[in-house]
Amino acid sequence: MPNDDIMTVKELADYLKIAEKTAYRFASEGKVPGFKVGSAWRFRKSEIDRWISEQERKEVNDG
C-alpha cells in the first residue's frame, strides 16, 4: 500500500486490528485523523502511520 492510500473504516479497522465499530467511534470522536466524503469516513494511511507513532511516543512518555 503506498503511503497516501485512502482507507475506509473497514480497512482502518483491519489495519489497526480493532473492530469496525471502534474505528468508526474513534473517527467520530476525532481520536484518529480522518475526513468525510459525503457521509463516509476516509483515512490517509500516511496520517494514520503518523498518528500511531504519536500514540507510541505518548505511551513511552506516560509509562
PDB file of N, CA and C in Angstrom:
ATOM      1  N   MET A   1       0.849  -1.184   0.000  1.00  0.00           N
ATOM      2  CA  MET A   1       0.000   0.000   0.000  1.00  0.00           C
ATOM      3  C   MET A   1       0.894   1.246   0.000  1.00  0.00           C
ATOM      4  N   PRO A   2       0.821   2.094  -1.027  1.00  0.00           N
ATOM      5  CA  PRO A   2       1.598   3.340  -0.993  1.00  0.00           C
ATOM      6  C   PRO A   2       1.187   4.198   0.203  1.00  0.00           C
ATOM      7  N   ASN A   3       2.088   5.090   0.623  1.00  0.00           N
ATOM      8  CA  ASN A   3       1.855   5.882   1.834  1.00  0.00           C
ATOM      9  C   ASN A   3       0.594   6.724   1.819  1.00  0.00           C
ATOM     10  N   ASP A   4       0.148   7.197   0.653  1.00  0.00           N
ATOM     11  CA  ASP A   4      -1.020   8.070   0.640  1.00  0.00           C
ATOM     12  C   ASP A   4      -2.298   7.355   0.220  1.00  0.00           C
ATOM     13  N   ASP A   5      -2.311   6.032   0.318  1.00  0.00           N
ATOM     14  CA  ASP A   5      -3.543   5.311   0.029  1.00  0.00           C
ATOM     15  C   ASP A   5      -4.636   5.778   0.971  1.00  0.00           C
ATOM     16  N   ILE A   6      -5.843   5.820   0.449  1.00  0.00           N
ATOM     17  CA  ILE A   6      -7.006   6.195   1.239  1.00  0.00           C
ATOM     18  C   ILE A   6      -7.676   4.909   1.718  1.00  0.00           C
ATOM     19  N   MET A   7      -7.992   4.866   3.004  1.00  0.00           N
ATOM     20  CA  MET A   7      -8.614   3.682   3.585  1.00  0.00           C
ATOM     21  C   MET A   7     -10.043   3.979   4.023  1.00  0.00           C
ATOM     22  N   THR A   8     -10.878   2.951   3.979  1.00  0.00           N
ATOM     23  CA  THR A   8     -12.240   3.016   4.507  1.00  0.00           C
ATOM     24  C   THR A   8     -12.202   2.672   5.997  1.00  0.00           C
ATOM     25  N   VAL A   9     -13.345   2.765   6.648  1.00  0.00           N
ATOM     26  CA  VAL A   9     -13.428   2.386   8.063  1.00  0.00           C
ATOM     27  C   VAL A   9     -13.045   0.915   8.228  1.00  0.00           C
ATOM     28  N   LYS A  10     -13.526   0.063   7.337  1.00  0.00           N
ATOM     29  CA  LYS A  10     -13.203  -1.371   7.424  1.00  0.00           C
ATOM     30  C   LYS A  10     -11.704  -1.592   7.269  1.00  0.00           C
ATOM     31  N   GLU A  11     -11.099  -0.921   6.291  1.00  0.00           N
ATOM     32  CA  GLU A  11      -9.658  -1.070   6.076  1.00  0.00           C
ATOM     33  C   GLU A  11      -8.864  -0.539   7.267  1.00  0.00           C
ATOM     34  N   LEU A  12      -9.316   0.584   7.834  1.00  0.00           N
ATOM     35  CA  LEU A  12      -8.661   1.129   9.025  1.00  0.00           C
ATOM     36  C   LEU A  12      -8.752   0.134  10.181  1.00  0.00           C
ATOM     37  N   ALA A  13      -9.936  -0.424  10.372  1.00  0.00           N
ATOM     38  CA  ALA A  13     -10.131  -1.400  11.447  1.00  0.00           C
ATOM     39  C   ALA A  13      -9.206  -2.601  11.256  1.00  0.00           C
ATOM     40  N   ASP A  14      -9.118  -3.095  10.034  1.00  0.00           N
ATOM     41  CA  ASP A  14      -8.218  -4.220   9.748  1.00  0.00           C
ATOM     42  C   ASP A  14      -6.768  -3.826  10.019  1.00  0.00           C
ATOM     43  N   TYR A  15      -6.391  -2.632   9.580  1.00  0.00           N
ATOM     44  CA  TYR A  15      -5.018  -2.151   9.730  1.00  0.00           C
ATOM     45  C   TYR A  15      -4.631  -2.019  11.204  1.00  0.00           C
ATOM     46  N   LEU A  16      -5.559  -1.505  12.014  1.00  0.00           N
ATOM     47  CA  LEU A  16      -5.295  -1.311  13.443  1.00  0.00           C
ATOM     48  C   LEU A  16      -5.647  -2.541  14.281  1.00  0.00           C
ATOM     49  N   LYS A  17      -6.252  -3.536  13.620  1.00  0.00           N
ATOM     50  CA  LYS A  17      -6.679  -4.767  14.300  1.00  0.00           C
ATOM     51  C   LYS A  17      -7.651  -4.463  15.440  1.00  0.00           C
ATOM     52  N   ILE A  18      -8.661  -3.653  15.089  1.00  0.00           N
ATOM     53  CA  ILE A  18      -9.736  -3.313  16.019  1.00  0.00           C
ATOM     54  C   ILE A  18     -11.067  -3.559  15.308  1.00  0.00           C
ATOM     55  N   ALA A  19     -12.153  -3.529  16.049  1.00  0.00           N
ATOM     56  CA  ALA A  19     -13.478  -3.716  15.466  1.00  0.00           C
ATOM     57  C   ALA A  19     -13.851  -2.503  14.609  1.00  0.00           C
ATOM     58  N   GLU A  20     -14.637  -2.751  13.561  1.00  0.00           N
ATOM     59  CA  GLU A  20     -15.107  -1.652  12.709  1.00  0.00           C
ATOM     60  C   GLU A  20     -15.857  -0.610  13.528  1.00  0.00           C
ATOM     61  N   LYS A  21     -16.679  -1.070  14.454  1.00  0.00           N
ATOM     62  CA  LYS A  21     -17.458  -0.160  15.302  1.00  0.00           C
ATOM     63  C   LYS A  21     -16.528   0.761  16.094  1.00  0.00           C
ATOM     64  N   THR A  22     -15.431   0.214  16.591  1.00  0.00           N
ATOM     65  CA  THR A  22     -14.451   1.002  17.346  1.00  0.00           C
ATOM     66  C   THR A  22     -13.773   2.016  16.435  1.00  0.00           C
ATOM     67  N   ALA A  23     -13.405   1.604  15.229  1.00  0.00           N
ATOM     68  CA  ALA A  23     -12.770   2.512  14.268  1.00  0.00           C
ATOM     69  C   ALA A  23     -13.707   3.669  13.939  1.00  0.00           C
ATOM     70  N   TYR A  24     -14.978   3.360  13.732  1.00  0.00           N
ATOM     71  CA  TYR A  24     -15.964   4.399  13.428  1.00  0.00           C
ATOM     72  C   TYR A  24     -16.106   5.359  14.611  1.00  0.00           C
ATOM     73  N   ARG A  25     -16.148   4.815  15.814  1.00  0.00           N
ATOM     74  CA  ARG A  25     -16.270   5.657  17.018  1.00  0.00           C
ATOM     75  C   ARG A  25     -15.052   6.560  17.169  1.00  0.00           C
ATOM     76  N   PHE A  26     -13.847   5.995  16.972  1.00  0.00           N
ATOM     77  CA  PHE A  26     -12.626   6.797  17.043  1.00  0.00           C
ATOM     78  C   PHE A  26     -12.689   7.954  16.051  1.00  0.00           C
ATOM     79  N   ALA A  27     -13.156   7.679  14.837  1.00  0.00           N
ATOM     80  CA  ALA A  27     -13.258   8.726  13.813  1.00  0.00           C
ATOM     81  C   ALA A  27     -14.271   9.786  14.236  1.00  0.00           C
ATOM     82  N   SER A  28     -15.432   9.347  14.672  1.00  0.00           N
ATOM     83  CA  SER A  28     -16.496  10.273  15.075  1.00  0.00           C
ATOM     84  C   SER A  28     -16.080  11.159  16.239  1.00  0.00           C
ATOM     85  N   GLU A  29     -15.260  10.615  17.138  1.00  0.00           N
ATOM     86  CA  GLU A  29     -14.806  11.361  18.314  1.00  0.00           C
ATOM     87  C   GLU A  29     -13.522  12.139  18.057  1.00  0.00           C
ATOM     88  N   GLY A  30     -12.993  12.056  16.834  1.00  0.00           N
ATOM     89  CA  GLY A  30     -11.773  12.786  16.495  1.00  0.00           C
ATOM     90  C   GLY A  30     -10.512  12.175  17.084  1.00  0.00           C
ATOM     91  N   LYS A  31     -10.566  10.912  17.460  1.00  0.00           N
ATOM     92  CA  LYS A  31      -9.400  10.257  18.063  1.00  0.00           C
ATOM     93  C   LYS A  31      -8.381   9.811  17.023  1.00  0.00           C
ATOM     94  N   VAL A  32      -8.813   9.628  15.779  1.00  0.00           N
ATOM     95  CA  VAL A  32      -7.897   9.302  14.680  1.00  0.00           C
ATOM     96  C   VAL A  32      -8.088  10.343  13.582  1.00  0.00           C
ATOM     97  N   PRO A  33      -7.021  10.662  12.840  1.00  0.00           N
ATOM     98  CA  PRO A  33      -7.150  11.644  11.767  1.00  0.00           C
ATOM     99  C   PRO A  33      -7.902  11.055  10.578  1.00  0.00           C
ATOM    100  N   GLY A  34      -8.969  11.719  10.196  1.00  0.00           N
ATOM    101  CA  GLY A  34      -9.760  11.252   9.065  1.00  0.00           C
ATOM    102  C   GLY A  34     -10.573  12.388   8.490  1.00  0.00           C
ATOM    103  N   PHE A  35     -11.276  12.094   7.412  1.00  0.00           N
ATOM    104  CA  PHE A  35     -12.128  13.095   6.780  1.00  0.00           C
ATOM    105  C   PHE A  35     -13.331  12.389   6.180  1.00  0.00           C
ATOM    106  N   LYS A  36     -14.368  13.153   5.933  1.00  0.00           N
ATOM    107  CA  LYS A  36     -15.586  12.578   5.377  1.00  0.00           C
ATOM    108  C   LYS A  36     -15.702  12.898   3.896  1.00  0.00           C
ATOM    109  N   VAL A  37     -16.153  11.907   3.151  1.00  0.00           N
ATOM    110  CA  VAL A  37     -16.539  12.078   1.753  1.00  0.00           C
ATOM    111  C   VAL A  37     -18.030  11.779   1.755  1.00  0.00           C
ATOM    112  N   GLY A  38     -18.825  12.842   1.698  1.00  0.00           N
ATOM    113  CA  GLY A  38     -20.257  12.664   1.903  1.00  0.00           C
ATOM    114  C   GLY A  38     -20.473  12.239   3.342  1.00  0.00           C
ATOM    115  N   SER A  39     -21.075  11.078   3.524  1.00  0.00           N
ATOM    116  CA  SER A  39     -21.298  10.580   4.890  1.00  0.00           C
ATOM    117  C   SER A  39     -20.301   9.488   5.276  1.00  0.00           C
ATOM    118  N   ALA A  40     -19.371   9.173   4.374  1.00  0.00           N
ATOM    119  CA  ALA A  40     -18.423   8.079   4.619  1.00  0.00           C
ATOM    120  C   ALA A  40     -17.077   8.600   5.107  1.00  0.00           C
ATOM    121  N   TRP A  41     -16.541   7.966   6.142  1.00  0.00           N
ATOM    122  CA  TRP A  41     -15.226   8.318   6.663  1.00  0.00           C
ATOM    123  C   TRP A  41     -14.139   7.740   5.782  1.00  0.00           C
ATOM    124  N   ARG A  42     -13.065   8.501   5.603  1.00  0.00           N
ATOM    125  CA  ARG A  42     -11.881   8.046   4.873  1.00  0.00           C
ATOM    126  C   ARG A  42     -10.645   8.463   5.661  1.00  0.00           C
ATOM    127  N   PHE A  43      -9.568   7.696   5.482  1.00  0.00           N
ATOM    128  CA  PHE A  43      -8.342   7.903   6.255  1.00  0.00           C
ATOM    129  C   PHE A  43      -7.141   7.768   5.339  1.00  0.00           C
ATOM    130  N   ARG A  44      -6.205   8.690   5.460  1.00  0.00           N
ATOM    131  CA  ARG A  44      -4.961   8.632   4.701  1.00  0.00           C
ATOM    132  C   ARG A  44      -3.969   7.771   5.482  1.00  0.00           C
ATOM    133  N   LYS A  45      -3.443   6.739   4.838  1.00  0.00           N
ATOM    134  CA  LYS A  45      -2.543   5.810   5.520  1.00  0.00           C
ATOM    135  C   LYS A  45      -1.355   6.539   6.138  1.00  0.00           C
ATOM    136  N   SER A  46      -0.799   7.512   5.430  1.00  0.00           N
ATOM    137  CA  SER A  46       0.363   8.242   5.958  1.00  0.00           C
ATOM    138  C   SER A  46       0.011   8.969   7.259  1.00  0.00           C
ATOM    139  N   GLU A  47      -1.208   9.514   7.352  1.00  0.00           N
ATOM    140  CA  GLU A  47      -1.627  10.204   8.572  1.00  0.00           C
ATOM    141  C   GLU A  47      -1.884   9.212   9.706  1.00  0.00           C
ATOM    142  N   ILE A  48      -2.418   8.051   9.365  1.00  0.00           N
ATOM    143  CA  ILE A  48      -2.644   7.016  10.380  1.00  0.00           C
ATOM    144  C   ILE A  48      -1.309   6.520  10.920  1.00  0.00           C
ATOM    145  N   ASP A  49      -0.331   6.321  10.033  1.00  0.00           N
ATOM    146  CA  ASP A  49       1.001   5.889  10.479  1.00  0.00           C
ATOM    147  C   ASP A  49       1.631   6.924  11.410  1.00  0.00           C
ATOM    148  N   ARG A  50       1.465   8.202  11.085  1.00  0.00           N
ATOM    149  CA  ARG A  50       1.988   9.277  11.937  1.00  0.00           C
ATOM    150  C   ARG A  50       1.264   9.265  13.290  1.00  0.00           C
ATOM    151  N   TRP A  51      -0.052   9.067  13.259  1.00  0.00           N
ATOM    152  CA  TRP A  51      -0.849   9.008  14.489  1.00  0.00           C
ATOM    153  C   TRP A  51      -0.384   7.842  15.368  1.00  0.00           C
ATOM    154  N   ILE A  52      -0.117   6.690  14.755  1.00  0.00           N
ATOM    155  CA  ILE A  52       0.377   5.527  15.504  1.00  0.00           C
ATOM    156  C   ILE A  52       1.691   5.876  16.194  1.00  0.00           C
ATOM    157  N   SER A  53       2.599   6.528  15.475  1.00  0.00           N
ATOM    158  CA  SER A  53       3.888   6.925  16.060  1.00  0.00           C
ATOM    159  C   SER A  53       3.685   7.856  17.247  1.00  0.00           C
ATOM    160  N   GLU A  54       2.742   8.792  17.121  1.00  0.00           N
ATOM    161  CA  GLU A  54       2.450   9.716  18.218  1.00  0.00           C
ATOM    162  C   GLU A  54       1.908   8.956  19.427  1.00  0.00           C
ATOM    163  N   GLN A  55       1.057   7.965  19.187  1.00  0.00           N
ATOM    164  CA  GLN A  55       0.497   7.170  20.287  1.00  0.00           C
ATOM    165  C   GLN A  55       1.603   6.398  20.991  1.00  0.00           C
ATOM    166  N   GLU A  56       2.540   5.866  20.208  1.00  0.00           N
ATOM    167  CA  GLU A  56       3.660   5.129  20.799  1.00  0.00           C
ATOM    168  C   GLU A  56       4.520   6.045  21.661  1.00  0.00           C
ATOM    169  N   ARG A  57       4.762   7.274  21.192  1.00  0.00           N
ATOM    170  CA  ARG A  57       5.556   8.234  21.970  1.00  0.00           C
ATOM    171  C   ARG A  57       4.841   8.598  23.267  1.00  0.00           C
ATOM    172  N   LYS A  58       3.524   8.770  23.205  1.00  0.00           N
ATOM    173  CA  LYS A  58       2.750   9.085  24.412  1.00  0.00           C
ATOM    174  C   LYS A  58       2.876   7.965  25.430  1.00  0.00           C
ATOM    175  N   GLU A  59       2.808   6.724  24.960  1.00  0.00           N
ATOM    176  CA  GLU A  59       2.930   5.567  25.858  1.00  0.00           C
ATOM    177  C   GLU A  59       4.279   5.575  26.567  1.00  0.00           C
ATOM    178  N   VAL A  60       5.342   5.859  25.823  1.00  0.00           N
ATOM    179  CA  VAL A  60       6.694   5.878  26.395  1.00  0.00           C
ATOM    180  C   VAL A  60       6.807   7.002  27.419  1.00  0.00           C
ATOM    181  N   ASN A  61       6.282   8.187  27.078  1.00  0.00           N
ATOM    182  CA  ASN A  61       6.384   9.339  27.979  1.00  0.00           C
ATOM    183  C   ASN A  61       5.483   9.202  29.202  1.00  0.00           C
ATOM    184  N   ASP A  62       4.317   8.583  29.027  1.00  0.00           N
ATOM    185  CA  ASP A  62       3.380   8.423  30.143  1.00  0.00           C
ATOM    186  C   ASP A  62       3.712   7.214  31.006  1.00  0.00           C
ATOM    187  N   GLY A  63       4.411   6.228  30.389  1.00  0.00           N
ATOM    188  CA  GLY A  63       4.654   4.964  31.068  1.00  0.00           C
ATOM    189  C   GLY A  63       5.635   5.089  32.154  1.00  0.00           C
TER     190      GLY A  63
END
